[in-house]
Amino acid sequence: SRTGSNTDYADSVKGRFTISRDNAKNTAY
């Protein structure tokens, strides 16, 4: 989500992948 407070994942990657963002750097990971 825009604030980073909510995330969701495909079942195939749950527990292995992590999405995050740094709004100060205009970057998602």
PDB file of all heavy atoms in Angstrom:
ATOM      1  N   SER A   1       0.820  -1.199   0.000  1.00  0.00           N
ATOM      2  CA  SER A   1       0.000   0.000   0.000  1.00  0.00           C
ATOM      3  C   SER A   1       0.858   1.254   0.000  1.00  0.00           C
ATOM      4  O   SER A   1       2.075   1.202   0.161  1.00  0.00           O
ATOM      5  CB  SER A   1      -0.929   0.004   1.216  1.00  0.00           C
ATOM      6  OG  SER A   1      -0.185   0.018   2.423  1.00  0.00           O
ATOM      7  N   ARG A   2       0.212   2.383  -0.178  1.00  0.00           N
ATOM      8  CA  ARG A   2       0.931   3.644  -0.302  1.00  0.00           C
ATOM      9  C   ARG A   2       1.769   3.996   0.917  1.00  0.00           C
ATOM     10  O   ARG A   2       2.861   4.553   0.783  1.00  0.00           O
ATOM     11  CB  ARG A   2      -0.052   4.776  -0.611  1.00  0.00           C
ATOM     12  CG  ARG A   2      -0.610   4.728  -2.023  1.00  0.00           C
ATOM     13  CD  ARG A   2      -1.767   5.680  -2.203  1.00  0.00           C
ATOM     14  NE  ARG A   2      -2.960   5.205  -1.522  1.00  0.00           N
ATOM     15  CZ  ARG A   2      -4.103   5.873  -1.484  1.00  0.00           C
ATOM     16  NH1 ARG A   2      -4.209   7.057  -2.093  1.00  0.00           N
ATOM     17  NH2 ARG A   2      -5.140   5.360  -0.845  1.00  0.00           N
ATOM     18  N   THR A   3       1.289   3.660   2.081  1.00  0.00           N
ATOM     19  CA  THR A   3       2.026   3.947   3.309  1.00  0.00           C
ATOM     20  C   THR A   3       2.922   2.797   3.744  1.00  0.00           C
ATOM     21  O   THR A   3       3.735   2.962   4.652  1.00  0.00           O
ATOM     22  CB  THR A   3       1.063   4.268   4.455  1.00  0.00           C
ATOM     23  OG1 THR A   3       0.253   3.120   4.729  1.00  0.00           O
ATOM     24  CG2 THR A   3       0.169   5.449   4.089  1.00  0.00           C
ATOM     25  N   GLY A   4       2.768   1.641   3.118  1.00  0.00           N
ATOM     26  CA  GLY A   4       3.532   0.478   3.505  1.00  0.00           C
ATOM     27  C   GLY A   4       2.916  -0.326   4.629  1.00  0.00           C
ATOM     28  O   GLY A   4       3.517  -1.304   5.090  1.00  0.00           O
ATOM     29  N   SER A   5       1.726   0.056   5.060  1.00  0.00           N
ATOM     30  CA  SER A   5       1.101  -0.603   6.192  1.00  0.00           C
ATOM     31  C   SER A   5       0.402  -1.912   5.831  1.00  0.00           C
ATOM     32  O   SER A   5       0.059  -2.689   6.722  1.00  0.00           O
ATOM     33  CB  SER A   5       0.106   0.337   6.859  1.00  0.00           C
ATOM     34  OG  SER A   5      -0.924   0.710   5.963  1.00  0.00           O
ATOM     35  N   ASN A   6       0.180  -2.153   4.556  1.00  0.00           N
ATOM     36  CA  ASN A   6      -0.538  -3.343   4.119  1.00  0.00           C
ATOM     37  C   ASN A   6       0.191  -3.975   2.944  1.00  0.00           C
ATOM     38  O   ASN A   6       0.576  -3.283   2.001  1.00  0.00           O
ATOM     39  CB  ASN A   6      -1.968  -2.978   3.727  1.00  0.00           C
ATOM     40  CG  ASN A   6      -2.908  -4.166   3.671  1.00  0.00           C
ATOM     41  OD1 ASN A   6      -4.023  -4.053   3.168  1.00  0.00           O
ATOM     42  ND2 ASN A   6      -2.483  -5.307   4.192  1.00  0.00           N
ATOM     43  N   THR A   7       0.375  -5.283   3.002  1.00  0.00           N
ATOM     44  CA  THR A   7       1.025  -6.026   1.929  1.00  0.00           C
ATOM     45  C   THR A   7       0.263  -7.301   1.635  1.00  0.00           C
ATOM     46  O   THR A   7      -0.525  -7.781   2.454  1.00  0.00           O
ATOM     47  CB  THR A   7       2.477  -6.392   2.282  1.00  0.00           C
ATOM     48  OG1 THR A   7       2.487  -7.213   3.461  1.00  0.00           O
ATOM     49  CG2 THR A   7       3.309  -5.144   2.537  1.00  0.00           C
ATOM     50  N   ASP A   8       0.524  -7.867   0.463  1.00  0.00           N
ATOM     51  CA  ASP A   8      -0.054  -9.147   0.102  1.00  0.00           C
ATOM     52  C   ASP A   8       0.907  -9.850  -0.849  1.00  0.00           C
ATOM     53  O   ASP A   8       1.683  -9.205  -1.561  1.00  0.00           O
ATOM     54  CB  ASP A   8      -1.424  -8.973  -0.547  1.00  0.00           C
ATOM     55  CG  ASP A   8      -2.264 -10.244  -0.516  1.00  0.00           C
ATOM     56  OD1 ASP A   8      -1.882 -11.203   0.183  1.00  0.00           O
ATOM     57  OD2 ASP A   8      -3.308 -10.278  -1.182  1.00  0.00           O
ATOM     58  N   TYR A   9       0.836 -11.192  -0.852  1.00  0.00           N
ATOM     59  CA  TYR A   9       1.768 -11.992  -1.636  1.00  0.00           C
ATOM     60  C   TYR A   9       1.055 -13.135  -2.333  1.00  0.00           C
ATOM     61  O   TYR A   9       0.038 -13.638  -1.849  1.00  0.00           O
ATOM     62  CB  TYR A   9       2.849 -12.595  -0.734  1.00  0.00           C
ATOM     63  CG  TYR A   9       3.686 -11.583  -0.004  1.00  0.00           C
ATOM     64  CD1 TYR A   9       3.295 -11.103   1.240  1.00  0.00           C
ATOM     65  CD2 TYR A   9       4.869 -11.112  -0.558  1.00  0.00           C
ATOM     66  CE1 TYR A   9       4.068 -10.167   1.917  1.00  0.00           C
ATOM     67  CE2 TYR A   9       5.647 -10.181   0.110  1.00  0.00           C
ATOM     68  CZ  TYR A   9       5.244  -9.715   1.344  1.00  0.00           C
ATOM     69  OH  TYR A   9       6.018  -8.788   2.004  1.00  0.00           O
ATOM     70  N   ALA A  10       1.631 -13.552  -3.444  1.00  0.00           N
ATOM     71  CA  ALA A  10       1.177 -14.777  -4.071  1.00  0.00           C
ATOM     72  C   ALA A  10       1.525 -15.952  -3.168  1.00  0.00           C
ATOM     73  O   ALA A  10       2.538 -15.937  -2.469  1.00  0.00           O
ATOM     74  CB  ALA A  10       1.837 -14.955  -5.434  1.00  0.00           C
ATOM     75  N   ASP A  11       0.695 -16.985  -3.191  1.00  0.00           N
ATOM     76  CA  ASP A  11       0.937 -18.150  -2.344  1.00  0.00           C
ATOM     77  C   ASP A  11       2.309 -18.775  -2.604  1.00  0.00           C
ATOM     78  O   ASP A  11       2.948 -19.290  -1.688  1.00  0.00           O
ATOM     79  CB  ASP A  11      -0.150 -19.195  -2.564  1.00  0.00           C
ATOM     80  CG  ASP A  11      -1.494 -18.784  -1.991  1.00  0.00           C
ATOM     81  OD1 ASP A  11      -1.531 -17.869  -1.143  1.00  0.00           O
ATOM     82  OD2 ASP A  11      -2.511 -19.379  -2.388  1.00  0.00           O
ATOM     83  N   SER A  12       2.759 -18.723  -3.829  1.00  0.00           N
ATOM     84  CA  SER A  12       4.006 -19.359  -4.208  1.00  0.00           C
ATOM     85  C   SER A  12       5.246 -18.710  -3.587  1.00  0.00           C
ATOM     86  O   SER A  12       6.314 -19.328  -3.555  1.00  0.00           O
ATOM     87  CB  SER A  12       4.155 -19.372  -5.733  1.00  0.00           C
ATOM     88  OG  SER A  12       4.135 -18.053  -6.251  1.00  0.00           O
ATOM     89  N   VAL A  13       5.118 -17.475  -3.103  1.00  0.00           N
ATOM     90  CA  VAL A  13       6.278 -16.779  -2.551  1.00  0.00           C
ATOM     91  C   VAL A  13       6.123 -16.414  -1.082  1.00  0.00           C
ATOM     92  O   VAL A  13       7.069 -15.877  -0.484  1.00  0.00           O
ATOM     93  CB  VAL A  13       6.606 -15.501  -3.353  1.00  0.00           C
ATOM     94  CG1 VAL A  13       6.778 -15.839  -4.830  1.00  0.00           C
ATOM     95  CG2 VAL A  13       5.539 -14.432  -3.165  1.00  0.00           C
ATOM     96  N   LYS A  14       4.992 -16.712  -0.486  1.00  0.00           N
ATOM     97  CA  LYS A  14       4.777 -16.380   0.920  1.00  0.00           C
ATOM     98  C   LYS A  14       5.820 -17.048   1.801  1.00  0.00           C
ATOM     99  O   LYS A  14       6.133 -18.222   1.647  1.00  0.00           O
ATOM    100  CB  LYS A  14       3.376 -16.805   1.356  1.00  0.00           C
ATOM    101  CG  LYS A  14       2.268 -15.904   0.859  1.00  0.00           C
ATOM    102  CD  LYS A  14       0.907 -16.368   1.348  1.00  0.00           C
ATOM    103  CE  LYS A  14      -0.193 -15.445   0.868  1.00  0.00           C
ATOM    104  NZ  LYS A  14      -1.536 -15.905   1.284  1.00  0.00           N
ATOM    105  N   GLY A  15       6.353 -16.277   2.718  1.00  0.00           N
ATOM    106  CA  GLY A  15       7.378 -16.781   3.614  1.00  0.00           C
ATOM    107  C   GLY A  15       8.778 -16.681   3.064  1.00  0.00           C
ATOM    108  O   GLY A  15       9.752 -16.876   3.805  1.00  0.00           O
ATOM    109  N   ARG A  16       8.917 -16.387   1.774  1.00  0.00           N
ATOM    110  CA  ARG A  16      10.233 -16.277   1.147  1.00  0.00           C
ATOM    111  C   ARG A  16      10.538 -14.876   0.634  1.00  0.00           C
ATOM    112  O   ARG A  16      11.685 -14.443   0.679  1.00  0.00           O
ATOM    113  CB  ARG A  16      10.348 -17.270  -0.013  1.00  0.00           C
ATOM    114  CG  ARG A  16      10.187 -18.725   0.405  1.00  0.00           C
ATOM    115  CD  ARG A  16      10.511 -19.669  -0.749  1.00  0.00           C
ATOM    116  NE  ARG A  16       9.605 -19.481  -1.882  1.00  0.00           N
ATOM    117  CZ  ARG A  16      10.001 -19.155  -3.114  1.00  0.00           C
ATOM    118  NH1 ARG A  16      11.298 -18.966  -3.368  1.00  0.00           N
ATOM    119  NH2 ARG A  16       9.116 -19.023  -4.092  1.00  0.00           N
ATOM    120  N   PHE A  17       9.523 -14.190   0.132  1.00  0.00           N
ATOM    121  CA  PHE A  17       9.698 -12.852  -0.423  1.00  0.00           C
ATOM    122  C   PHE A  17       9.107 -11.808   0.510  1.00  0.00           C
ATOM    123  O   PHE A  17       8.100 -12.062   1.189  1.00  0.00           O
ATOM    124  CB  PHE A  17       8.996 -12.729  -1.780  1.00  0.00           C
ATOM    125  CG  PHE A  17       9.616 -13.511  -2.900  1.00  0.00           C
ATOM    126  CD1 PHE A  17      10.617 -14.454  -2.674  1.00  0.00           C
ATOM    127  CD2 PHE A  17       9.193 -13.300  -4.202  1.00  0.00           C
ATOM    128  CE1 PHE A  17      11.177 -15.170  -3.717  1.00  0.00           C
ATOM    129  CE2 PHE A  17       9.751 -14.011  -5.255  1.00  0.00           C
ATOM    130  CZ  PHE A  17      10.741 -14.942  -5.015  1.00  0.00           C
ATOM    131  N   THR A  18       9.712 -10.625   0.513  1.00  0.00           N
ATOM    132  CA  THR A  18       9.210  -9.512   1.302  1.00  0.00           C
ATOM    133  C   THR A  18       9.221  -8.241   0.468  1.00  0.00           C
ATOM    134  O   THR A  18      10.266  -7.862  -0.071  1.00  0.00           O
ATOM    135  CB  THR A  18      10.050  -9.289   2.571  1.00  0.00           C
ATOM    136  OG1 THR A  18      10.063 -10.479   3.363  1.00  0.00           O
ATOM    137  CG2 THR A  18       9.467  -8.146   3.394  1.00  0.00           C
ATOM    138  N   ILE A  19       8.080  -7.592   0.365  1.00  0.00           N
ATOM    139  CA  ILE A  19       7.998  -6.311  -0.318  1.00  0.00           C
ATOM    140  C   ILE A  19       8.065  -5.199   0.713  1.00  0.00           C
ATOM    141  O   ILE A  19       7.513  -5.316   1.808  1.00  0.00           O
ATOM    142  CB  ILE A  19       6.715  -6.211  -1.174  1.00  0.00           C
ATOM    143  CG1 ILE A  19       6.738  -4.942  -2.040  1.00  0.00           C
ATOM    144  CG2 ILE A  19       5.463  -6.266  -0.307  1.00  0.00           C
ATOM    145  CD1 ILE A  19       5.609  -4.882  -3.066  1.00  0.00           C
ATOM    146  N   SER A  20       8.746  -4.124   0.378  1.00  0.00           N
ATOM    147  CA  SER A  20       8.854  -2.986   1.274  1.00  0.00           C
ATOM    148  C   SER A  20       8.997  -1.713   0.453  1.00  0.00           C
ATOM    149  O   SER A  20       9.140  -1.767  -0.774  1.00  0.00           O
ATOM    150  CB  SER A  20      10.042  -3.148   2.234  1.00  0.00           C
ATOM    151  OG  SER A  20      11.267  -3.208   1.522  1.00  0.00           O
ATOM    152  N   ARG A  21       8.950  -0.578   1.122  1.00  0.00           N
ATOM    153  CA  ARG A  21       9.137   0.680   0.414  1.00  0.00           C
ATOM    154  C   ARG A  21       9.758   1.712   1.334  1.00  0.00           C
ATOM    155  O   ARG A  21       9.596   1.668   2.557  1.00  0.00           O
ATOM    156  CB  ARG A  21       7.809   1.200  -0.151  1.00  0.00           C
ATOM    157  CG  ARG A  21       6.786   1.624   0.895  1.00  0.00           C
ATOM    158  CD  ARG A  21       5.418   1.867   0.249  1.00  0.00           C
ATOM    159  NE  ARG A  21       5.463   2.932  -0.729  1.00  0.00           N
ATOM    160  CZ  ARG A  21       4.563   3.103  -1.704  1.00  0.00           C
ATOM    161  NH1 ARG A  21       3.559   2.244  -1.835  1.00  0.00           N
ATOM    162  NH2 ARG A  21       4.681   4.119  -2.553  1.00  0.00           N
ATOM    163  N   ASP A  22      10.471   2.641   0.723  1.00  0.00           N
ATOM    164  CA  ASP A  22      11.065   3.770   1.419  1.00  0.00           C
ATOM    165  C   ASP A  22      10.609   5.011   0.668  1.00  0.00           C
ATOM    166  O   ASP A  22      11.181   5.373  -0.357  1.00  0.00           O
ATOM    167  CB  ASP A  22      12.585   3.662   1.443  1.00  0.00           C
ATOM    168  CG  ASP A  22      13.237   4.736   2.291  1.00  0.00           C
ATOM    169  OD1 ASP A  22      12.600   5.772   2.554  1.00  0.00           O
ATOM    170  OD2 ASP A  22      14.397   4.550   2.689  1.00  0.00           O
ATOM    171  N   ASN A  23       9.575   5.648   1.168  1.00  0.00           N
ATOM    172  CA  ASN A  23       9.001   6.786   0.461  1.00  0.00           C
ATOM    173  C   ASN A  23       9.957   7.973   0.393  1.00  0.00           C
ATOM    174  O   ASN A  23       9.890   8.770  -0.542  1.00  0.00           O
ATOM    175  CB  ASN A  23       7.683   7.198   1.115  1.00  0.00           C
ATOM    176  CG  ASN A  23       6.565   6.211   0.843  1.00  0.00           C
ATOM    177  OD1 ASN A  23       6.710   5.300   0.024  1.00  0.00           O
ATOM    178  ND2 ASN A  23       5.445   6.376   1.530  1.00  0.00           N
ATOM    179  N   ALA A  24      10.839   8.091   1.360  1.00  0.00           N
ATOM    180  CA  ALA A  24      11.821   9.169   1.338  1.00  0.00           C
ATOM    181  C   ALA A  24      12.804   9.011   0.184  1.00  0.00           C
ATOM    182  O   ALA A  24      13.367   9.993  -0.294  1.00  0.00           O
ATOM    183  CB  ALA A  24      12.571   9.231   2.663  1.00  0.00           C
ATOM    184  N   LYS A  25      13.015   7.779  -0.265  1.00  0.00           N
ATOM    185  CA  LYS A  25      13.924   7.495  -1.375  1.00  0.00           C
ATOM    186  C   LYS A  25      13.189   7.198  -2.675  1.00  0.00           C
ATOM    187  O   LYS A  25      13.826   6.846  -3.672  1.00  0.00           O
ATOM    188  CB  LYS A  25      14.837   6.324  -1.021  1.00  0.00           C
ATOM    189  CG  LYS A  25      15.773   6.597   0.140  1.00  0.00           C
ATOM    190  CD  LYS A  25      16.674   5.407   0.407  1.00  0.00           C
ATOM    191  CE  LYS A  25      17.636   5.694   1.534  1.00  0.00           C
ATOM    192  NZ  LYS A  25      18.529   4.548   1.817  1.00  0.00           N
ATOM    193  N   ASN A  26      11.881   7.309  -2.680  1.00  0.00           N
ATOM    194  CA  ASN A  26      11.060   7.025  -3.860  1.00  0.00           C
ATOM    195  C   ASN A  26      11.345   5.635  -4.423  1.00  0.00           C
ATOM    196  O   ASN A  26      11.407   5.438  -5.643  1.00  0.00           O
ATOM    197  CB  ASN A  26      11.296   8.075  -4.948  1.00  0.00           C
ATOM    198  CG  ASN A  26      10.797   9.445  -4.561  1.00  0.00           C
ATOM    199  OD1 ASN A  26      10.104   9.622  -3.563  1.00  0.00           O
ATOM    200  ND2 ASN A  26      11.140  10.439  -5.365  1.00  0.00           N
ATOM    201  N   THR A  27      11.500   4.673  -3.542  1.00  0.00           N
ATOM    202  CA  THR A  27      11.926   3.345  -3.955  1.00  0.00           C
ATOM    203  C   THR A  27      11.137   2.253  -3.251  1.00  0.00           C
ATOM    204  O   THR A  27      10.870   2.341  -2.054  1.00  0.00           O
ATOM    205  CB  THR A  27      13.426   3.149  -3.667  1.00  0.00           C
ATOM    206  OG1 THR A  27      14.171   4.182  -4.322  1.00  0.00           O
ATOM    207  CG2 THR A  27      13.908   1.809  -4.184  1.00  0.00           C
ATOM    208  N   ALA A  28      10.779   1.226  -4.020  1.00  0.00           N
ATOM    209  CA  ALA A  28      10.192   0.015  -3.479  1.00  0.00           C
ATOM    210  C   ALA A  28      11.181  -1.124  -3.667  1.00  0.00           C
ATOM    211  O   ALA A  28      12.050  -1.079  -4.550  1.00  0.00           O
ATOM    212  CB  ALA A  28       8.871  -0.307  -4.169  1.00  0.00           C
ATOM    213  N   TYR A  29      11.048  -2.165  -2.850  1.00  0.00           N
ATOM    214  CA  TYR A  29      11.990  -3.267  -2.874  1.00  0.00           C
ATOM    215  C   TYR A  29      11.262  -4.600  -2.859  1.00  0.00           C
ATOM    216  O   TYR A  29      10.135  -4.714  -2.381  1.00  0.00           O
ATOM    217  CB  TYR A  29      12.920  -3.217  -1.657  1.00  0.00           C
ATOM    218  CG  TYR A  29      13.654  -1.920  -1.493  1.00  0.00           C
ATOM    219  CD1 TYR A  29      13.142  -0.908  -0.682  1.00  0.00           C
ATOM    220  CD2 TYR A  29      14.857  -1.697  -2.153  1.00  0.00           C
ATOM    221  CE1 TYR A  29      13.815   0.294  -0.527  1.00  0.00           C
ATOM    222  CE2 TYR A  29      15.535  -0.499  -2.009  1.00  0.00           C
ATOM    223  CZ  TYR A  29      15.011   0.491  -1.195  1.00  0.00           C
ATOM    224  OH  TYR A  29      15.677   1.679  -1.046  1.00  0.00           O
TER     225      TYR A  29
END
